[in-house]
Amino acid sequence: MAKTKELSKDVRDKIVDLHKAGMGYKTIAKQLGEKVTTFGAIIRKWKKHKRTVNLPRPGAPCKISPRGVAMIMRTVRNQPRTTWEDLVNDLKAAGTIVTKKTIGNTLRRDGLKSCSARKVPLLKKAHIHARLKFANEHLNDSEDNWVKVLWSDETKMELFGINSTRHVWTRRRNAAYDPKNTISTVKLGGGNMMLWGCFSAKGTGQLHRIKGTMDGAMHRQILGENLLPSARALKMGRGWVFQHDNDPKHTAKATKEWLKKKHIKVLEWPSQSPDLNPIENLWRELKVRVAKCQPRNLNDLEKICKEEWDKIPPEMCANLVANYKKCLTPVIANKGFATKY
């Protein structure tokens, strides 16, 4: 039997108005050309609920009992990495058989959604303690203190790196593999290189390509060729402080002696803390800029990296240093664990 078309709200309101005026069901039906039973149902609904629109429908009953819902909610809050299969099996053991889709709908109704887990450095208790100590000790440092810091780090640049994450706009079906909508990739990223760089509140310092495997001797050579010239070019003045992480090459006895001989003061740094180093923001900026230039080979990549690094505005560097406190407060709020950077 075909489903009948529902009357519009205007027609239903007119039926109620005619009923209020004293007309009977049959008279209304004859005037509007509809069935008597239809008007009876509409007028009864109006008398009971004072409304003519449809009432909310209850829908299908929930397959998971309130107790079952509480159980899976407790499980995912205590163990966020619990899989749908685990939840299905837990409910099955409790006597309730449902699908993954039912589990997902239930969790979404309670405000939870499935997200990709963020990858962060492995933090041991000693790392967490050191990060908290650093953040608390420097939380109230003035901006002038951070202006004196020359930040440094290494990063890997791939020839076809960030390009692969671009999005395209298309409305046609089956157009995913249209050449205009694809990004060409090469196995292993088409090659890559390691870079060393530094910056301060006054701008970017020198950028150096690391060729081969870097050891302590190469690291000291890089510092000799790039660190001091960068400090002079950025007019760091007296009393500036050098920041680098706790890589074994950085903390080697020979490196410490070299820095001491050059009278370079080093900022005490907590291990496993890239989220505390503002240069990570500049690496991201550099990779976005380089991707737009579409380098063709590694030599082209090196050339473009250095050009784009020099183009990063000093205002961006100054802003990162001026807002450095925003790097410290999340670490304290997260009790020393990793934060976004």
Foldseek 3Di string as FASTA:
>chain_A
DDDDDDDDQVLLVVLLVVVVVPDDLVVSCVVVVHDSVVSVVQNVCCVVPVGRDDDDDPPDDQQADPVLLVVVVVVCVVPVPDDLVNSQVVVVVVPGHDDSVSVQVSQVVVPDHDDDDDDADDDDPQLLVVLLVVLVVCLPPALVQQQLEKEKDKDKAALQPPVQVDADDDDDPPCCPPVVNHDDADPPRQDMWMKMWIAGLQATWAIDTDPDDDALVNVLVCCVVTVVVRCVVSVSDPPGAYEDAVDVSCPPPVNVVSCVVVVHHYDDDRHRCPLLGLCVVVVVVLNVQLSVVNADHDVSSVVSSRVVRRVPDSNVNNVCSNPSSVSSVVCVVVSRDDDDD
